[in-house]
Protein backbone atom coordinates (compact mmCIF):
# COMPACT_ATOMS: atom_id res chain seq x y z
CA UNK A 1 0.00 0.00 0.00
CA UNK A 2 1.64 3.31 -1.05
CA UNK A 3 2.52 5.90 1.53
CA UNK A 4 0.81 8.80 -0.23
CA UNK A 5 -2.78 7.51 -0.51
CA UNK A 6 -4.88 10.54 0.38
CA UNK A 7 -7.90 8.31 1.01
CA UNK A 8 -6.19 6.87 4.07
CA UNK A 9 -6.28 10.23 5.86
CA UNK A 10 -9.14 11.38 8.05
CA UNK A 11 -10.77 14.66 7.02
CA UNK A 12 -11.44 16.26 10.38
CA UNK A 13 -9.15 18.02 12.81
CA UNK A 14 -9.71 16.81 16.41
CA UNK A 15 -9.77 19.60 18.97
CA UNK A 16 -8.05 17.52 21.67
CA UNK A 17 -4.33 16.98 21.15
CA UNK A 18 -3.34 13.40 21.94
CA UNK A 19 0.43 13.81 22.18
CA UNK A 20 3.57 15.36 20.74
CA UNK A 21 5.50 13.52 18.04
CA UNK A 22 8.87 14.37 16.50
CA UNK A 23 9.23 13.16 12.90
CA UNK A 24 12.86 12.95 11.76
CA UNK A 25 12.81 12.39 7.99
CA UNK A 26 14.89 14.01 5.25
CA UNK A 27 12.56 13.14 2.35
CA UNK A 28 10.18 16.08 2.22
CA UNK A 29 7.16 14.31 0.72
CA UNK A 30 7.32 11.45 3.22
CA UNK A 31 7.78 13.82 6.17
CA UNK A 32 4.86 15.98 5.02
CA UNK A 33 2.56 12.98 4.48
CA UNK A 34 3.36 11.51 7.90
CA UNK A 35 2.93 14.89 9.62
CA UNK A 36 -0.43 15.56 7.95
CA UNK A 37 -1.77 12.11 8.80
CA UNK A 38 -0.74 12.40 12.46
CA UNK A 39 -2.12 15.94 12.75
CA UNK A 40 -5.43 14.69 11.33
CA UNK A 41 -5.45 12.07 14.10
CA UNK A 42 -5.04 14.76 16.76
CA UNK A 43 -1.30 14.82 17.45
CA UNK A 44 1.02 17.82 17.65
CA UNK A 45 3.84 17.17 15.17
CA UNK A 46 7.31 18.67 14.91
CA UNK A 47 9.61 17.74 12.02
CA UNK A 48 13.38 17.69 11.62
CA UNK A 49 15.13 17.03 8.31
CA UNK A 50 18.45 15.74 9.64
CA UNK A 51 19.93 14.02 12.65
CA UNK A 52 21.77 17.09 13.90
CA UNK A 53 18.61 19.21 14.06
CA UNK A 54 16.75 16.39 15.85
CA UNK A 55 19.53 15.99 18.41
CA UNK A 56 19.43 19.73 19.09
CA UNK A 57 15.71 19.47 19.87
CA UNK A 58 16.40 16.55 22.22
CA UNK A 59 19.17 18.46 24.00
CA UNK A 60 16.99 21.56 24.44
CA UNK A 61 14.13 19.49 25.85
CA UNK A 62 16.47 17.76 28.28
CA UNK A 63 17.82 21.14 29.39
CA UNK A 64 14.29 22.46 29.91
CA UNK A 65 13.34 19.43 32.00
CA UNK A 66 16.43 19.80 34.17
CA UNK A 67 15.60 23.50 34.69
CA UNK A 68 12.00 22.77 35.62
CA UNK A 69 10.63 24.11 32.32
CA UNK A 70 12.13 27.59 32.59
CA UNK A 71 14.31 29.38 30.08
CA UNK A 72 12.71 28.28 26.80
CA UNK A 73 15.28 28.36 24.01
CA UNK A 74 14.16 30.50 21.06
CA UNK A 75 15.02 27.84 18.47
CA UNK A 76 12.76 25.22 20.06
CA UNK A 77 9.57 24.60 17.99
CA UNK A 78 6.62 26.38 19.64
CA UNK A 79 4.66 23.11 19.85
CA UNK A 80 7.18 21.88 22.41
CA UNK A 81 7.32 24.92 24.68
CA UNK A 82 6.74 23.68 28.19
CA UNK A 83 6.21 20.12 26.93
CA UNK A 84 8.07 16.90 26.35
CA UNK A 85 7.99 14.42 23.47
CA UNK A 86 5.64 11.45 23.54
CA UNK A 87 7.05 9.66 20.47
CA UNK A 88 9.87 9.93 17.93
CA UNK A 89 9.54 8.64 14.37
CA UNK A 90 13.09 8.23 13.15
CA UNK A 91 14.32 7.50 9.64
CA UNK A 92 17.43 5.33 9.38
CA UNK A 93 19.20 7.23 6.58
CA UNK A 94 19.69 10.86 7.63
CA UNK A 95 22.21 13.63 6.87
CA UNK A 96 24.91 14.47 9.44
CA UNK A 97 23.85 11.87 12.04
CA UNK A 98 22.22 8.66 10.86
CA UNK A 99 19.20 7.14 12.56
CA UNK A 100 21.08 4.37 14.36
CA UNK A 101 23.62 6.78 15.87
CA UNK A 102 20.89 9.26 16.76
CA UNK A 103 18.89 6.53 18.51
CA UNK A 104 21.99 5.55 20.51
CA UNK A 105 22.60 9.18 21.50
CA UNK A 106 18.98 9.69 22.58
CA UNK A 107 19.12 6.59 24.79
CA UNK A 108 22.51 7.69 26.13
CA UNK A 109 20.85 10.96 27.20
CA UNK A 110 18.58 8.83 29.39
CA UNK A 111 15.41 9.59 27.42
CA UNK A 112 12.89 6.74 27.45
CA UNK A 113 10.54 8.25 24.84
CA UNK A 114 9.26 5.54 22.44
CA UNK A 115 11.07 5.44 19.08
CA UNK A 116 9.61 4.07 15.84
CA UNK A 117 12.38 3.54 13.30
CA UNK A 118 11.72 3.78 9.55
CA UNK A 119 13.98 2.21 6.96
CA UNK A 120 14.07 0.93 3.39
CA UNK A 121 16.26 -1.87 4.78
CA UNK A 122 13.94 -4.68 5.78
CA UNK A 123 16.22 -7.62 6.50
CA UNK A 124 16.06 -9.40 9.85
CA UNK A 125 19.57 -8.19 10.68
CA UNK A 126 18.62 -4.57 10.05
CA UNK A 127 15.53 -4.87 12.26
CA UNK A 128 17.49 -6.51 15.07
CA UNK A 129 20.20 -3.82 14.91
CA UNK A 130 17.54 -1.12 15.09
CA UNK A 131 16.01 -2.73 18.19
CA UNK A 132 19.40 -3.28 19.78
CA UNK A 133 20.32 0.42 19.66
CA UNK A 134 17.11 1.33 21.48
CA UNK A 135 14.22 1.54 19.00
CA UNK A 136 10.87 0.24 20.25
CA UNK A 137 9.48 -0.68 16.85
CA UNK A 138 10.69 -0.91 13.25
CA UNK A 139 8.70 -0.21 10.06
CA UNK A 140 10.03 -0.99 6.59
CA UNK A 141 9.49 1.35 3.62
CA UNK A 142 7.26 1.46 1.65
CA UNK A 143 4.49 1.30 4.23
CA UNK A 144 0.82 2.20 4.47
CA UNK A 145 0.02 5.35 6.38
CA UNK A 146 -2.73 3.56 8.32
CA UNK A 147 -0.20 1.01 9.57
CA UNK A 148 2.16 3.77 10.67
CA UNK A 149 -0.63 5.56 12.56
CA UNK A 150 -1.70 2.26 14.16
CA UNK A 151 1.85 1.55 15.32
CA UNK A 152 2.13 5.05 16.75
CA UNK A 153 -1.10 4.55 18.70
CA UNK A 154 0.11 1.19 20.01
CA UNK A 155 3.49 2.58 21.13
CA UNK A 156 1.88 5.55 22.85
CA UNK A 157 -0.73 3.36 24.54
CA UNK A 158 1.88 0.96 25.93
CA UNK A 159 4.13 3.82 27.05
CA UNK A 160 1.26 5.62 28.80
CA UNK A 161 0.22 2.40 30.55
CA UNK A 162 3.77 2.06 31.80
CA UNK A 163 3.84 5.66 33.03
CA UNK A 164 0.66 5.21 35.14
CA UNK A 165 1.34 2.24 37.38
CA UNK A 166 -0.72 1.32 40.45
CA UNK A 167 1.15 1.49 43.72
CA UNK A 168 3.19 -1.64 44.30
CA UNK A 169 5.74 -2.68 46.91
CA UNK A 170 9.40 -3.02 45.98
CA UNK A 171 10.56 -6.35 44.61
CA UNK A 172 13.81 -7.92 45.77
CA UNK A 173 15.69 -11.03 44.75
CA UNK A 174 19.17 -11.66 46.14
CA UNK A 175 21.17 -8.55 45.18
CA UNK A 176 18.60 -7.09 42.74
CA UNK A 177 15.96 -4.59 43.94
CA UNK A 178 13.19 -3.09 41.82
CA UNK A 179 11.13 -0.08 42.98
CA UNK A 180 8.00 0.25 40.77
CA UNK A 181 6.89 3.67 42.02
CA UNK A 182 10.33 5.16 41.49
CA UNK A 183 11.03 3.32 38.21
CA UNK A 184 14.37 2.45 39.76
CA UNK A 185 16.48 -0.71 39.87
CA UNK A 186 19.62 -1.43 41.83
CA UNK A 187 21.97 -4.29 41.05
CA UNK A 188 24.52 -5.25 43.69
CA UNK A 189 23.81 -1.94 45.42
CA UNK A 190 24.36 0.27 42.37
CA UNK A 191 21.63 2.06 40.40
CA UNK A 192 21.34 0.81 36.80
CA UNK A 193 19.40 2.47 33.98
CA UNK A 194 16.74 0.37 32.24
CA UNK A 195 14.50 1.19 29.29
CA UNK A 196 10.72 1.05 29.91
CA UNK A 197 10.38 -2.37 28.29
CA UNK A 198 13.41 -3.77 30.14
CA UNK A 199 11.89 -2.48 33.37
CA UNK A 200 8.51 -4.10 32.65
CA UNK A 201 10.07 -7.42 31.68
CA UNK A 202 12.17 -7.56 34.84
CA UNK A 203 9.20 -6.51 36.98
CA UNK A 204 7.16 -9.36 35.49
CA UNK A 205 9.96 -11.88 36.07
CA UNK A 206 10.55 -10.73 39.65
CA UNK A 207 6.81 -10.85 40.40
CA UNK A 208 6.77 -14.54 39.42
CA UNK A 209 10.20 -15.98 40.33
CA UNK A 210 11.06 -19.34 38.75
CA UNK A 211 8.00 -19.26 36.50
CA UNK A 212 8.85 -20.10 32.89
CA UNK A 213 7.59 -17.57 30.32
CA UNK A 214 7.45 -18.41 26.62
CA UNK A 215 8.37 -15.75 24.07
CA UNK A 216 4.72 -15.56 23.00
CA UNK A 217 3.57 -14.98 26.59
CA UNK A 218 6.14 -12.21 27.06
CA UNK A 219 5.10 -10.54 23.80
CA UNK A 220 1.46 -10.66 24.94
CA UNK A 221 2.16 -9.29 28.44
CA UNK A 222 4.80 -6.66 27.61
CA UNK A 223 4.20 -5.61 23.99
CA UNK A 224 0.46 -6.28 23.91
CA UNK A 225 -1.80 -8.18 21.50
CA UNK A 226 -1.49 -5.53 18.78
CA UNK A 227 2.30 -5.84 18.52
CA UNK A 228 3.47 -6.31 14.93
CA UNK A 229 6.79 -8.16 14.94
CA UNK A 230 8.40 -11.48 15.76
CA UNK A 231 9.66 -13.27 18.85
CA UNK A 232 13.29 -12.28 18.22
CA UNK A 233 12.38 -8.97 19.86
CA UNK A 234 12.13 -10.87 23.16
CA UNK A 235 15.56 -12.46 22.68
CA UNK A 236 17.12 -9.03 22.07
CA UNK A 237 15.65 -7.60 25.28
CA UNK A 238 16.66 -10.65 27.32
CA UNK A 239 20.24 -10.18 26.10
CA UNK A 240 20.17 -6.53 27.17
CA UNK A 241 18.83 -7.49 30.60
CA UNK A 242 21.54 -10.08 31.09
CA UNK A 243 24.21 -7.50 30.27
CA UNK A 244 22.86 -5.30 33.06
CA UNK A 245 22.04 -7.96 35.63
CA UNK A 246 24.57 -10.75 35.30
CA UNK A 247 28.18 -10.78 36.43
CA UNK A 248 28.87 -13.02 33.43
CA UNK A 249 26.10 -12.60 30.79
CA UNK A 250 27.35 -15.68 28.91
CA UNK A 251 26.62 -17.82 32.03
CA UNK A 252 23.46 -16.26 33.47
CA UNK A 253 22.29 -17.08 36.98
CA UNK A 254 19.24 -14.77 37.07
CA UNK A 255 17.68 -14.90 33.60
CA UNK A 256 17.94 -18.54 32.62
CA UNK A 257 16.98 -20.08 29.27
CA UNK A 258 14.72 -23.12 29.58
CA UNK A 259 15.34 -24.80 26.24
CA UNK A 260 12.22 -25.50 24.25
CA UNK A 261 10.04 -23.44 26.60
CA UNK A 262 11.36 -19.90 27.16
CA UNK A 263 12.91 -18.00 30.07
CA UNK A 264 12.66 -17.94 33.86
CA UNK A 265 14.03 -15.69 36.59
CA UNK A 266 15.89 -17.31 39.45
């Protein structure tokens, strides 16, 4: 289904804004089509045509957050004044800083905003690399605009569900402690940064120690029934968790593979 089908767009402009999305895409027609479709759905949209401009927006937002929202920088798009991003749509091939490097830099800044990566490269290796550097979802060009909007909704819904968690006691297992209300994890007494999905996976494992979870069950519980992807996504996140939890990730003692079934904690 071509990207530019006008019939796929809604014709009304919702009065309630659902969220703020940064679209980083250097192809003008694609960026404009995505922006128009998302605006029609009720989102505020900011665009950047290269990786350097997008990184500048990220840096300014981080500075605003650290200053409590004061001192708005004049070059920041007006849609973002006093606000933060809810989603980033990130093309892989960009001038100055490519999408993979930009994704790494955003995660290195400590930002947990969901990232949907776009690319004309659709091989399994390319998708896995995109997920490994911190993307939450991966969409191959050419794509239908309805699918892109649906994926954006799904990412935002899962992220918002993560942000609003009911009060829960801390979870502890040996030298790992997880504090749901603080979104904080300590490993052997030291604080360790986890992405939202890594946090949710570990919280699920620690809530049910020694229970074996299949890849399909983890996809259902963490990514939701509307996730479009394959089970290798789970393997990638388990590898990341092991790197942060295990003394020797190649010989895990916390996240153990149960061959033919899935994974268990403890």
